[in-house]
Protein backbone atom coordinates (compact mmCIF):
# COMPACT_ATOMS: atom_id res chain seq x y z
CA UNK A 1 0.00 0.00 0.00
CA UNK A 2 1.49 3.33 -1.05
CA UNK A 3 -0.19 5.29 1.77
CA UNK A 4 -1.23 8.13 -0.53
CA UNK A 5 -4.22 10.35 -0.07
CA UNK A 6 -5.24 12.68 -2.89
CA UNK A 7 -7.51 15.61 -2.18
CA UNK A 8 -9.48 16.18 -5.33
CA UNK A 9 -12.64 17.64 -6.86
CA UNK A 10 -14.29 15.84 -9.75
CA UNK A 11 -14.87 19.05 -11.69
CA UNK A 12 -11.26 20.26 -11.36
CA UNK A 13 -9.01 19.59 -14.38
CA UNK A 14 -5.86 20.05 -12.30
CA UNK A 15 -6.91 17.31 -9.90
CA UNK A 16 -7.91 15.23 -12.93
CA UNK A 17 -4.27 15.35 -14.04
CA UNK A 18 -2.90 13.90 -10.83
CA UNK A 19 -5.54 11.20 -10.57
CA UNK A 20 -4.57 10.10 -14.09
CA UNK A 21 -0.90 9.91 -13.09
CA UNK A 22 -1.72 7.72 -10.09
CA UNK A 23 -3.82 5.43 -12.27
CA UNK A 24 -1.13 5.21 -14.96
CA UNK A 25 1.36 4.26 -12.26
CA UNK A 26 -0.97 1.65 -10.79
CA UNK A 27 -0.55 3.21 -7.36
CA UNK A 28 -3.25 2.58 -4.79
CA UNK A 29 -4.61 5.73 -3.18
CA UNK A 30 -7.39 7.07 -1.02
CA UNK A 31 -9.50 9.65 -2.83
CA UNK A 32 -10.86 12.49 -0.71
CA UNK A 33 -13.38 14.62 -2.57
CA UNK A 34 -13.37 18.28 -1.58
CA UNK A 35 -16.35 20.56 -2.03
CA UNK A 36 -14.56 23.66 -3.28
CA UNK A 37 -17.57 25.83 -2.36
CA UNK A 38 -17.57 24.49 1.20
CA UNK A 39 -14.05 23.43 2.11
CA UNK A 40 -13.71 21.40 5.30
CA UNK A 41 -12.04 22.87 8.38
CA UNK A 42 -8.33 22.25 8.39
CA UNK A 43 -8.05 21.80 4.62
CA UNK A 44 -5.36 24.50 4.39
CA UNK A 45 -3.25 22.39 6.74
CA UNK A 46 -3.04 19.95 3.83
CA UNK A 47 -3.20 22.41 0.93
CA UNK A 48 -1.87 25.81 2.03
CA UNK A 49 -3.33 27.50 -1.07
CA UNK A 50 -6.74 26.00 -0.35
CA UNK A 51 -6.79 24.36 -3.79
CA UNK A 52 -6.91 20.86 -5.23
CA UNK A 53 -5.12 18.69 -5.94
CA UNK A 54 -2.97 18.07 -2.94
CA UNK A 55 -1.53 14.79 -1.73
CA UNK A 56 -0.16 13.37 1.46
CA UNK A 57 2.39 10.58 1.33
CA UNK A 58 4.23 9.07 4.28
CA UNK A 59 3.49 12.08 6.42
CA UNK A 60 4.53 14.61 3.80
CA UNK A 61 2.29 16.91 1.77
CA UNK A 62 2.68 18.13 -1.80
CA UNK A 63 0.47 20.54 -3.68
CA UNK A 64 0.20 22.04 -7.19
CA UNK A 65 -0.57 19.47 -9.90
CA UNK A 66 2.56 19.79 -12.05
CA UNK A 67 4.78 19.41 -8.98
CA UNK A 68 2.69 16.55 -7.60
CA UNK A 69 3.00 14.74 -10.90
CA UNK A 70 6.80 15.02 -11.04
CA UNK A 71 6.99 13.91 -7.42
CA UNK A 72 4.90 10.83 -8.20
CA UNK A 73 7.06 10.05 -11.22
CA UNK A 74 10.20 10.14 -9.07
CA UNK A 75 8.79 8.18 -6.14
CA UNK A 76 7.08 5.58 -8.34
CA UNK A 77 9.45 5.35 -11.33
CA UNK A 78 7.65 2.59 -13.25
CA UNK A 79 6.34 3.16 -15.76
CA UNK A 80 8.34 6.37 -16.31
CA UNK A 81 6.27 9.33 -17.44
CA UNK A 82 9.11 11.73 -18.25
CA UNK A 83 11.83 11.20 -20.86
CA UNK A 84 15.17 10.11 -19.48
CA UNK A 85 17.47 12.35 -21.51
CA UNK A 86 17.93 15.95 -20.34
CA UNK A 87 16.81 17.76 -23.49
CA UNK A 88 13.57 15.81 -23.86
CA UNK A 89 12.92 16.21 -20.15
CA UNK A 90 13.41 19.96 -20.56
CA UNK A 91 11.03 19.97 -23.53
CA UNK A 92 8.44 18.10 -21.47
CA UNK A 93 8.62 20.78 -18.80
CA UNK A 94 8.35 23.50 -21.44
CA UNK A 95 5.16 21.92 -22.78
CA UNK A 96 3.65 21.53 -19.30
CA UNK A 97 4.39 25.22 -18.75
CA UNK A 98 2.74 25.94 -22.12
CA UNK A 99 -0.39 24.16 -20.92
CA UNK A 100 -0.43 26.14 -17.69
CA UNK A 101 0.45 29.58 -19.06
CA UNK A 102 -0.99 29.55 -22.60
CA UNK A 103 -3.66 26.93 -23.27
CA UNK A 104 -5.47 26.97 -19.92
CA UNK A 105 -5.82 30.77 -19.64
CA UNK A 106 -7.15 30.97 -23.21
CA UNK A 107 -9.64 28.16 -22.52
CA UNK A 108 -10.78 29.94 -19.37
CA UNK A 109 -11.12 33.32 -21.11
CA UNK A 110 -13.23 31.84 -23.91
CA UNK A 111 -15.57 30.30 -21.37
CA UNK A 112 -15.69 32.97 -18.69
CA UNK A 113 -15.47 36.35 -20.40
CA UNK A 114 -18.84 38.16 -20.52
CA UNK A 115 -17.49 40.53 -23.19
CA UNK A 116 -18.00 39.21 -26.76
CA UNK A 117 -14.92 41.11 -28.00
CA UNK A 118 -12.72 39.52 -25.33
CA UNK A 119 -14.28 36.15 -26.09
CA UNK A 120 -13.35 36.61 -29.74
CA UNK A 121 -9.77 37.55 -28.87
CA UNK A 122 -9.50 34.57 -26.53
CA UNK A 123 -10.91 32.29 -29.23
CA UNK A 124 -8.22 33.47 -31.65
CA UNK A 125 -5.56 32.81 -29.03
CA UNK A 126 -6.89 29.34 -28.30
CA UNK A 127 -6.91 28.44 -32.00
CA UNK A 128 -3.31 29.65 -32.33
CA UNK A 129 -2.23 27.61 -29.31
CA UNK A 130 -3.87 24.49 -30.73
CA UNK A 131 -2.21 25.03 -34.11
CA UNK A 132 1.14 25.45 -32.34
CA UNK A 133 0.64 22.12 -30.57
CA UNK A 134 -0.33 20.47 -33.86
CA UNK A 135 2.76 21.71 -35.70
CA UNK A 136 5.45 22.13 -33.06
CA UNK A 137 4.69 19.19 -30.79
CA UNK A 138 2.62 16.43 -32.35
CA UNK A 139 3.87 17.21 -35.85
CA UNK A 140 7.42 16.48 -34.68
CA UNK A 141 6.72 13.45 -32.48
CA UNK A 142 7.29 10.80 -35.14
CA UNK A 143 4.78 8.05 -35.87
CA UNK A 144 3.48 7.70 -32.33
CA UNK A 145 0.26 9.40 -31.27
CA UNK A 146 1.63 10.88 -28.04
CA UNK A 147 3.70 13.98 -27.33
CA UNK A 148 6.91 11.93 -27.27
CA UNK A 149 5.91 9.31 -29.81
CA UNK A 150 4.97 5.83 -28.69
CA UNK A 151 4.77 6.33 -24.92
CA UNK A 152 2.42 8.47 -22.88
CA UNK A 153 4.03 11.10 -20.68
CA UNK A 154 3.24 13.70 -18.05
CA UNK A 155 2.78 16.15 -20.92
CA UNK A 156 -0.13 14.19 -22.39
CA UNK A 157 -1.73 13.82 -18.98
CA UNK A 158 -1.22 17.53 -18.25
CA UNK A 159 -3.13 18.61 -21.37
CA UNK A 160 -5.84 15.98 -21.64
CA UNK A 161 -8.31 17.14 -18.93
CA UNK A 162 -9.05 20.33 -20.87
CA UNK A 163 -9.77 18.33 -24.02
CA UNK A 164 -12.27 16.19 -22.14
CA UNK A 165 -13.95 19.48 -21.21
CA UNK A 166 -14.12 20.83 -24.77
CA UNK A 167 -17.84 19.92 -25.09
CA UNK A 168 -18.53 22.69 -22.58
CA UNK A 169 -16.84 25.22 -24.86
CA UNK A 170 -18.67 23.87 -27.89
CA UNK A 171 -22.04 23.99 -26.16
CA UNK A 172 -21.68 27.38 -24.47
CA UNK A 173 -19.35 29.20 -26.85
CA UNK A 174 -19.57 27.43 -30.20
CA UNK A 175 -15.89 26.47 -30.05
CA UNK A 176 -14.80 23.08 -31.40
CA UNK A 177 -11.49 21.47 -32.21
CA UNK A 178 -10.73 22.32 -35.87
CA UNK A 179 -10.95 19.29 -38.14
CA UNK A 180 -7.76 20.30 -39.93
CA UNK A 181 -5.75 19.60 -36.76
CA UNK A 182 -5.57 15.91 -37.57
CA UNK A 183 -2.67 15.04 -35.29
CA UNK A 184 -4.42 16.68 -32.35
CA UNK A 185 -7.62 14.74 -33.06
CA UNK A 186 -5.63 11.51 -33.25
CA UNK A 187 -3.88 12.34 -29.98
CA UNK A 188 -7.15 13.15 -28.20
CA UNK A 189 -8.82 9.96 -29.44
CA UNK A 190 -5.83 7.82 -28.44
CA UNK A 191 -5.56 9.25 -24.93
CA UNK A 192 -9.31 8.98 -24.40
CA UNK A 193 -9.11 5.20 -24.94
CA UNK A 194 -6.56 4.56 -22.21
CA UNK A 195 -7.90 2.57 -19.29
CA UNK A 196 -6.80 5.22 -16.81
CA UNK A 197 -8.75 7.87 -18.70
CA UNK A 198 -11.87 5.77 -19.20
CA UNK A 199 -11.93 4.82 -15.53
CA UNK A 200 -12.57 8.39 -14.36
CA UNK A 201 -14.05 9.98 -17.51
CA UNK A 202 -17.23 12.02 -17.21
CA UNK A 203 -19.86 12.34 -19.94
CA UNK A 204 -19.97 15.56 -21.90
CA UNK A 205 -23.27 16.49 -20.24
CA UNK A 206 -21.48 16.63 -16.91
CA UNK A 207 -19.11 19.35 -18.14
CA UNK A 208 -21.81 21.22 -20.02
CA UNK A 209 -23.85 21.48 -16.84
CA UNK A 210 -21.00 22.16 -14.41
CA UNK A 211 -19.28 24.77 -16.57
CA UNK A 212 -22.50 26.47 -17.59
CA UNK A 213 -22.36 28.76 -14.57
CA UNK A 214 -19.14 30.31 -15.90
CA UNK A 215 -20.61 31.04 -19.33
CA UNK A 216 -22.45 34.22 -18.49
CA UNK A 217 -22.81 35.80 -21.94
CA UNK A 218 -24.24 34.72 -25.26
CA UNK A 219 -21.95 32.55 -27.41
CA UNK A 220 -19.90 34.22 -30.09
CA UNK A 221 -19.98 33.19 -33.72
CA UNK A 222 -16.87 31.29 -34.83
CA UNK A 223 -15.86 29.80 -38.16
C-alpha atoms as a PDB file:
ATOM      1  CA  UNK A   1       0.000   0.000   0.000  1.00  0.00           C
ATOM      2  CA  UNK A   2       1.494   3.334  -1.049  1.00  0.00           C
ATOM      3  CA  UNK A   3      -0.185   5.285   1.766  1.00  0.00           C
ATOM      4  CA  UNK A   4      -1.230   8.127  -0.530  1.00  0.00           C
ATOM      5  CA  UNK A   5      -4.223  10.348  -0.074  1.00  0.00           C
ATOM      6  CA  UNK A   6      -5.240  12.680  -2.887  1.00  0.00           C
ATOM      7  CA  UNK A   7      -7.507  15.614  -2.183  1.00  0.00           C
ATOM      8  CA  UNK A   8      -9.484  16.180  -5.332  1.00  0.00           C
ATOM      9  CA  UNK A   9     -12.643  17.643  -6.857  1.00  0.00           C
ATOM     10  CA  UNK A  10     -14.288  15.842  -9.747  1.00  0.00           C
ATOM     11  CA  UNK A  11     -14.873  19.054 -11.692  1.00  0.00           C
ATOM     12  CA  UNK A  12     -11.260  20.260 -11.357  1.00  0.00           C
ATOM     13  CA  UNK A  13      -9.007  19.594 -14.382  1.00  0.00           C
ATOM     14  CA  UNK A  14      -5.858  20.053 -12.300  1.00  0.00           C
ATOM     15  CA  UNK A  15      -6.911  17.308  -9.904  1.00  0.00           C
ATOM     16  CA  UNK A  16      -7.914  15.228 -12.926  1.00  0.00           C
ATOM     17  CA  UNK A  17      -4.267  15.347 -14.043  1.00  0.00           C
ATOM     18  CA  UNK A  18      -2.898  13.903 -10.828  1.00  0.00           C
ATOM     19  CA  UNK A  19      -5.537  11.201 -10.567  1.00  0.00           C
ATOM     20  CA  UNK A  20      -4.569  10.095 -14.092  1.00  0.00           C
ATOM     21  CA  UNK A  21      -0.904   9.907 -13.093  1.00  0.00           C
ATOM     22  CA  UNK A  22      -1.716   7.721 -10.092  1.00  0.00           C
ATOM     23  CA  UNK A  23      -3.819   5.433 -12.267  1.00  0.00           C
ATOM     24  CA  UNK A  24      -1.135   5.207 -14.958  1.00  0.00           C
ATOM     25  CA  UNK A  25       1.363   4.263 -12.256  1.00  0.00           C
ATOM     26  CA  UNK A  26      -0.970   1.649 -10.795  1.00  0.00           C
ATOM     27  CA  UNK A  27      -0.546   3.207  -7.359  1.00  0.00           C
ATOM     28  CA  UNK A  28      -3.250   2.585  -4.791  1.00  0.00           C
ATOM     29  CA  UNK A  29      -4.605   5.731  -3.177  1.00  0.00           C
ATOM     30  CA  UNK A  30      -7.394   7.074  -1.024  1.00  0.00           C
ATOM     31  CA  UNK A  31      -9.503   9.652  -2.830  1.00  0.00           C
ATOM     32  CA  UNK A  32     -10.858  12.486  -0.705  1.00  0.00           C
ATOM     33  CA  UNK A  33     -13.375  14.617  -2.567  1.00  0.00           C
ATOM     34  CA  UNK A  34     -13.368  18.277  -1.576  1.00  0.00           C
ATOM     35  CA  UNK A  35     -16.353  20.558  -2.026  1.00  0.00           C
ATOM     36  CA  UNK A  36     -14.562  23.659  -3.281  1.00  0.00           C
ATOM     37  CA  UNK A  37     -17.568  25.827  -2.357  1.00  0.00           C
ATOM     38  CA  UNK A  38     -17.573  24.489   1.196  1.00  0.00           C
ATOM     39  CA  UNK A  39     -14.052  23.430   2.109  1.00  0.00           C
ATOM     40  CA  UNK A  40     -13.710  21.401   5.295  1.00  0.00           C
ATOM     41  CA  UNK A  41     -12.042  22.874   8.376  1.00  0.00           C
ATOM     42  CA  UNK A  42      -8.328  22.249   8.386  1.00  0.00           C
ATOM     43  CA  UNK A  43      -8.047  21.796   4.623  1.00  0.00           C
ATOM     44  CA  UNK A  44      -5.362  24.496   4.392  1.00  0.00           C
ATOM     45  CA  UNK A  45      -3.254  22.389   6.745  1.00  0.00           C
ATOM     46  CA  UNK A  46      -3.041  19.950   3.828  1.00  0.00           C
ATOM     47  CA  UNK A  47      -3.203  22.408   0.927  1.00  0.00           C
ATOM     48  CA  UNK A  48      -1.872  25.805   2.028  1.00  0.00           C
ATOM     49  CA  UNK A  49      -3.334  27.500  -1.068  1.00  0.00           C
ATOM     50  CA  UNK A  50      -6.741  26.000  -0.355  1.00  0.00           C
ATOM     51  CA  UNK A  51      -6.791  24.362  -3.787  1.00  0.00           C
ATOM     52  CA  UNK A  52      -6.910  20.862  -5.234  1.00  0.00           C
ATOM     53  CA  UNK A  53      -5.122  18.689  -5.937  1.00  0.00           C
ATOM     54  CA  UNK A  54      -2.968  18.068  -2.936  1.00  0.00           C
ATOM     55  CA  UNK A  55      -1.530  14.787  -1.729  1.00  0.00           C
ATOM     56  CA  UNK A  56      -0.163  13.370   1.463  1.00  0.00           C
ATOM     57  CA  UNK A  57       2.387  10.579   1.333  1.00  0.00           C
ATOM     58  CA  UNK A  58       4.229   9.066   4.282  1.00  0.00           C
ATOM     59  CA  UNK A  59       3.487  12.077   6.421  1.00  0.00           C
ATOM     60  CA  UNK A  60       4.527  14.612   3.799  1.00  0.00           C
ATOM     61  CA  UNK A  61       2.289  16.907   1.768  1.00  0.00           C
ATOM     62  CA  UNK A  62       2.685  18.133  -1.802  1.00  0.00           C
ATOM     63  CA  UNK A  63       0.465  20.545  -3.676  1.00  0.00           C
ATOM     64  CA  UNK A  64       0.201  22.040  -7.195  1.00  0.00           C
ATOM     65  CA  UNK A  65      -0.573  19.471  -9.895  1.00  0.00           C
ATOM     66  CA  UNK A  66       2.564  19.785 -12.049  1.00  0.00           C
ATOM     67  CA  UNK A  67       4.776  19.414  -8.977  1.00  0.00           C
ATOM     68  CA  UNK A  68       2.694  16.549  -7.596  1.00  0.00           C
ATOM     69  CA  UNK A  69       3.003  14.738 -10.905  1.00  0.00           C
ATOM     70  CA  UNK A  70       6.798  15.025 -11.044  1.00  0.00           C
ATOM     71  CA  UNK A  71       6.987  13.908  -7.420  1.00  0.00           C
ATOM     72  CA  UNK A  72       4.904  10.833  -8.203  1.00  0.00           C
ATOM     73  CA  UNK A  73       7.063  10.049 -11.221  1.00  0.00           C
ATOM     74  CA  UNK A  74      10.199  10.141  -9.069  1.00  0.00           C
ATOM     75  CA  UNK A  75       8.791   8.180  -6.140  1.00  0.00           C
ATOM     76  CA  UNK A  76       7.084   5.581  -8.340  1.00  0.00           C
ATOM     77  CA  UNK A  77       9.446   5.351 -11.329  1.00  0.00           C
ATOM     78  CA  UNK A  78       7.654   2.589 -13.252  1.00  0.00           C
ATOM     79  CA  UNK A  79       6.338   3.165 -15.764  1.00  0.00           C
ATOM     80  CA  UNK A  80       8.340   6.368 -16.310  1.00  0.00           C
ATOM     81  CA  UNK A  81       6.274   9.333 -17.445  1.00  0.00           C
ATOM     82  CA  UNK A  82       9.107  11.725 -18.249  1.00  0.00           C
ATOM     83  CA  UNK A  83      11.826  11.200 -20.859  1.00  0.00           C
ATOM     84  CA  UNK A  84      15.169  10.108 -19.482  1.00  0.00           C
ATOM     85  CA  UNK A  85      17.470  12.349 -21.507  1.00  0.00           C
ATOM     86  CA  UNK A  86      17.927  15.948 -20.341  1.00  0.00           C
ATOM     87  CA  UNK A  87      16.812  17.763 -23.495  1.00  0.00           C
ATOM     88  CA  UNK A  88      13.568  15.808 -23.861  1.00  0.00           C
ATOM     89  CA  UNK A  89      12.919  16.211 -20.149  1.00  0.00           C
ATOM     90  CA  UNK A  90      13.412  19.964 -20.559  1.00  0.00           C
ATOM     91  CA  UNK A  91      11.027  19.970 -23.529  1.00  0.00           C
ATOM     92  CA  UNK A  92       8.438  18.105 -21.472  1.00  0.00           C
ATOM     93  CA  UNK A  93       8.617  20.782 -18.798  1.00  0.00           C
ATOM     94  CA  UNK A  94       8.348  23.502 -21.437  1.00  0.00           C
ATOM     95  CA  UNK A  95       5.165  21.919 -22.776  1.00  0.00           C
ATOM     96  CA  UNK A  96       3.652  21.534 -19.303  1.00  0.00           C
ATOM     97  CA  UNK A  97       4.385  25.216 -18.753  1.00  0.00           C
ATOM     98  CA  UNK A  98       2.739  25.943 -22.120  1.00  0.00           C
ATOM     99  CA  UNK A  99      -0.388  24.163 -20.916  1.00  0.00           C
ATOM    100  CA  UNK A 100      -0.427  26.144 -17.686  1.00  0.00           C
ATOM    101  CA  UNK A 101       0.447  29.582 -19.057  1.00  0.00           C
ATOM    102  CA  UNK A 102      -0.985  29.553 -22.602  1.00  0.00           C
ATOM    103  CA  UNK A 103      -3.656  26.932 -23.266  1.00  0.00           C
ATOM    104  CA  UNK A 104      -5.466  26.968 -19.921  1.00  0.00           C
ATOM    105  CA  UNK A 105      -5.823  30.772 -19.643  1.00  0.00           C
ATOM    106  CA  UNK A 106      -7.150  30.975 -23.212  1.00  0.00           C
ATOM    107  CA  UNK A 107      -9.638  28.155 -22.520  1.00  0.00           C
ATOM    108  CA  UNK A 108     -10.779  29.940 -19.374  1.00  0.00           C
ATOM    109  CA  UNK A 109     -11.119  33.321 -21.106  1.00  0.00           C
ATOM    110  CA  UNK A 110     -13.231  31.841 -23.913  1.00  0.00           C
ATOM    111  CA  UNK A 111     -15.569  30.299 -21.368  1.00  0.00           C
ATOM    112  CA  UNK A 112     -15.693  32.972 -18.691  1.00  0.00           C
ATOM    113  CA  UNK A 113     -15.472  36.351 -20.400  1.00  0.00           C
ATOM    114  CA  UNK A 114     -18.837  38.162 -20.521  1.00  0.00           C
ATOM    115  CA  UNK A 115     -17.486  40.532 -23.192  1.00  0.00           C
ATOM    116  CA  UNK A 116     -18.002  39.211 -26.762  1.00  0.00           C
ATOM    117  CA  UNK A 117     -14.921  41.107 -27.995  1.00  0.00           C
ATOM    118  CA  UNK A 118     -12.724  39.522 -25.326  1.00  0.00           C
ATOM    119  CA  UNK A 119     -14.279  36.146 -26.095  1.00  0.00           C
ATOM    120  CA  UNK A 120     -13.354  36.612 -29.738  1.00  0.00           C
ATOM    121  CA  UNK A 121      -9.768  37.551 -28.874  1.00  0.00           C
ATOM    122  CA  UNK A 122      -9.497  34.571 -26.531  1.00  0.00           C
ATOM    123  CA  UNK A 123     -10.910  32.293 -29.232  1.00  0.00           C
ATOM    124  CA  UNK A 124      -8.225  33.468 -31.654  1.00  0.00           C
ATOM    125  CA  UNK A 125      -5.559  32.810 -29.028  1.00  0.00           C
ATOM    126  CA  UNK A 126      -6.893  29.337 -28.297  1.00  0.00           C
ATOM    127  CA  UNK A 127      -6.913  28.442 -31.998  1.00  0.00           C
ATOM    128  CA  UNK A 128      -3.315  29.647 -32.331  1.00  0.00           C
ATOM    129  CA  UNK A 129      -2.234  27.609 -29.313  1.00  0.00           C
ATOM    130  CA  UNK A 130      -3.868  24.486 -30.733  1.00  0.00           C
ATOM    131  CA  UNK A 131      -2.207  25.029 -34.113  1.00  0.00           C
ATOM    132  CA  UNK A 132       1.135  25.454 -32.336  1.00  0.00           C
ATOM    133  CA  UNK A 133       0.637  22.124 -30.570  1.00  0.00           C
ATOM    134  CA  UNK A 134      -0.325  20.471 -33.859  1.00  0.00           C
ATOM    135  CA  UNK A 135       2.757  21.713 -35.696  1.00  0.00           C
ATOM    136  CA  UNK A 136       5.447  22.132 -33.065  1.00  0.00           C
ATOM    137  CA  UNK A 137       4.686  19.190 -30.789  1.00  0.00           C
ATOM    138  CA  UNK A 138       2.620  16.430 -32.353  1.00  0.00           C
ATOM    139  CA  UNK A 139       3.867  17.214 -35.850  1.00  0.00           C
ATOM    140  CA  UNK A 140       7.415  16.482 -34.677  1.00  0.00           C
ATOM    141  CA  UNK A 141       6.723  13.446 -32.480  1.00  0.00           C
ATOM    142  CA  UNK A 142       7.286  10.799 -35.145  1.00  0.00           C
ATOM    143  CA  UNK A 143       4.785   8.050 -35.875  1.00  0.00           C
ATOM    144  CA  UNK A 144       3.477   7.696 -32.335  1.00  0.00           C
ATOM    145  CA  UNK A 145       0.264   9.403 -31.270  1.00  0.00           C
ATOM    146  CA  UNK A 146       1.631  10.875 -28.043  1.00  0.00           C
ATOM    147  CA  UNK A 147       3.705  13.977 -27.335  1.00  0.00           C
ATOM    148  CA  UNK A 148       6.908  11.928 -27.269  1.00  0.00           C
ATOM    149  CA  UNK A 149       5.914   9.315 -29.811  1.00  0.00           C
ATOM    150  CA  UNK A 150       4.968   5.827 -28.690  1.00  0.00           C
ATOM    151  CA  UNK A 151       4.769   6.329 -24.924  1.00  0.00           C
ATOM    152  CA  UNK A 152       2.420   8.468 -22.879  1.00  0.00           C
ATOM    153  CA  UNK A 153       4.035  11.102 -20.675  1.00  0.00           C
ATOM    154  CA  UNK A 154       3.243  13.701 -18.050  1.00  0.00           C
ATOM    155  CA  UNK A 155       2.776  16.149 -20.925  1.00  0.00           C
ATOM    156  CA  UNK A 156      -0.132  14.195 -22.394  1.00  0.00           C
ATOM    157  CA  UNK A 157      -1.727  13.824 -18.979  1.00  0.00           C
ATOM    158  CA  UNK A 158      -1.221  17.528 -18.249  1.00  0.00           C
ATOM    159  CA  UNK A 159      -3.131  18.611 -21.367  1.00  0.00           C
ATOM    160  CA  UNK A 160      -5.845  15.978 -21.637  1.00  0.00           C
ATOM    161  CA  UNK A 161      -8.311  17.144 -18.930  1.00  0.00           C
ATOM    162  CA  UNK A 162      -9.054  20.332 -20.869  1.00  0.00           C
ATOM    163  CA  UNK A 163      -9.766  18.333 -24.018  1.00  0.00           C
ATOM    164  CA  UNK A 164     -12.268  16.191 -22.135  1.00  0.00           C
ATOM    165  CA  UNK A 165     -13.950  19.482 -21.213  1.00  0.00           C
ATOM    166  CA  UNK A 166     -14.123  20.832 -24.769  1.00  0.00           C
ATOM    167  CA  UNK A 167     -17.839  19.916 -25.092  1.00  0.00           C
ATOM    168  CA  UNK A 168     -18.531  22.692 -22.581  1.00  0.00           C
ATOM    169  CA  UNK A 169     -16.841  25.219 -24.862  1.00  0.00           C
ATOM    170  CA  UNK A 170     -18.669  23.869 -27.890  1.00  0.00           C
ATOM    171  CA  UNK A 171     -22.043  23.987 -26.163  1.00  0.00           C
ATOM    172  CA  UNK A 172     -21.684  27.377 -24.470  1.00  0.00           C
ATOM    173  CA  UNK A 173     -19.345  29.202 -26.851  1.00  0.00           C
ATOM    174  CA  UNK A 174     -19.566  27.433 -30.197  1.00  0.00           C
ATOM    175  CA  UNK A 175     -15.886  26.467 -30.051  1.00  0.00           C
ATOM    176  CA  UNK A 176     -14.801  23.082 -31.401  1.00  0.00           C
ATOM    177  CA  UNK A 177     -11.491  21.469 -32.207  1.00  0.00           C
ATOM    178  CA  UNK A 178     -10.731  22.319 -35.869  1.00  0.00           C
ATOM    179  CA  UNK A 179     -10.954  19.285 -38.145  1.00  0.00           C
ATOM    180  CA  UNK A 180      -7.759  20.297 -39.935  1.00  0.00           C
ATOM    181  CA  UNK A 181      -5.750  19.599 -36.758  1.00  0.00           C
ATOM    182  CA  UNK A 182      -5.568  15.913 -37.573  1.00  0.00           C
ATOM    183  CA  UNK A 183      -2.669  15.039 -35.285  1.00  0.00           C
ATOM    184  CA  UNK A 184      -4.415  16.676 -32.353  1.00  0.00           C
ATOM    185  CA  UNK A 185      -7.617  14.737 -33.064  1.00  0.00           C
ATOM    186  CA  UNK A 186      -5.626  11.511 -33.254  1.00  0.00           C
ATOM    187  CA  UNK A 187      -3.884  12.342 -29.979  1.00  0.00           C
ATOM    188  CA  UNK A 188      -7.151  13.146 -28.200  1.00  0.00           C
ATOM    189  CA  UNK A 189      -8.818   9.964 -29.438  1.00  0.00           C
ATOM    190  CA  UNK A 190      -5.831   7.822 -28.441  1.00  0.00           C
ATOM    191  CA  UNK A 191      -5.555   9.249 -24.934  1.00  0.00           C
ATOM    192  CA  UNK A 192      -9.311   8.976 -24.402  1.00  0.00           C
ATOM    193  CA  UNK A 193      -9.109   5.200 -24.944  1.00  0.00           C
ATOM    194  CA  UNK A 194      -6.559   4.564 -22.214  1.00  0.00           C
ATOM    195  CA  UNK A 195      -7.898   2.566 -19.286  1.00  0.00           C
ATOM    196  CA  UNK A 196      -6.805   5.219 -16.805  1.00  0.00           C
ATOM    197  CA  UNK A 197      -8.754   7.871 -18.703  1.00  0.00           C
ATOM    198  CA  UNK A 198     -11.874   5.773 -19.198  1.00  0.00           C
ATOM    199  CA  UNK A 199     -11.933   4.820 -15.528  1.00  0.00           C
ATOM    200  CA  UNK A 200     -12.574   8.389 -14.363  1.00  0.00           C
ATOM    201  CA  UNK A 201     -14.047   9.981 -17.505  1.00  0.00           C
ATOM    202  CA  UNK A 202     -17.225  12.020 -17.210  1.00  0.00           C
ATOM    203  CA  UNK A 203     -19.864  12.342 -19.942  1.00  0.00           C
ATOM    204  CA  UNK A 204     -19.975  15.563 -21.904  1.00  0.00           C
ATOM    205  CA  UNK A 205     -23.274  16.490 -20.241  1.00  0.00           C
ATOM    206  CA  UNK A 206     -21.479  16.632 -16.908  1.00  0.00           C
ATOM    207  CA  UNK A 207     -19.115  19.349 -18.137  1.00  0.00           C
ATOM    208  CA  UNK A 208     -21.811  21.225 -20.024  1.00  0.00           C
ATOM    209  CA  UNK A 209     -23.850  21.477 -16.835  1.00  0.00           C
ATOM    210  CA  UNK A 210     -20.999  22.157 -14.409  1.00  0.00           C
ATOM    211  CA  UNK A 211     -19.276  24.771 -16.571  1.00  0.00           C
ATOM    212  CA  UNK A 212     -22.496  26.475 -17.595  1.00  0.00           C
ATOM    213  CA  UNK A 213     -22.357  28.756 -14.571  1.00  0.00           C
ATOM    214  CA  UNK A 214     -19.145  30.312 -15.902  1.00  0.00           C
ATOM    215  CA  UNK A 215     -20.610  31.042 -19.330  1.00  0.00           C
ATOM    216  CA  UNK A 216     -22.455  34.215 -18.491  1.00  0.00           C
ATOM    217  CA  UNK A 217     -22.808  35.797 -21.938  1.00  0.00           C
ATOM    218  CA  UNK A 218     -24.239  34.721 -25.264  1.00  0.00           C
ATOM    219  CA  UNK A 219     -21.953  32.546 -27.413  1.00  0.00           C
ATOM    220  CA  UNK A 220     -19.900  34.222 -30.086  1.00  0.00           C
ATOM    221  CA  UNK A 221     -19.976  33.191 -33.718  1.00  0.00           C
ATOM    222  CA  UNK A 222     -16.867  31.292 -34.832  1.00  0.00           C
ATOM    223  CA  UNK A 223     -15.860  29.803 -38.162  1.00  0.00           C
END
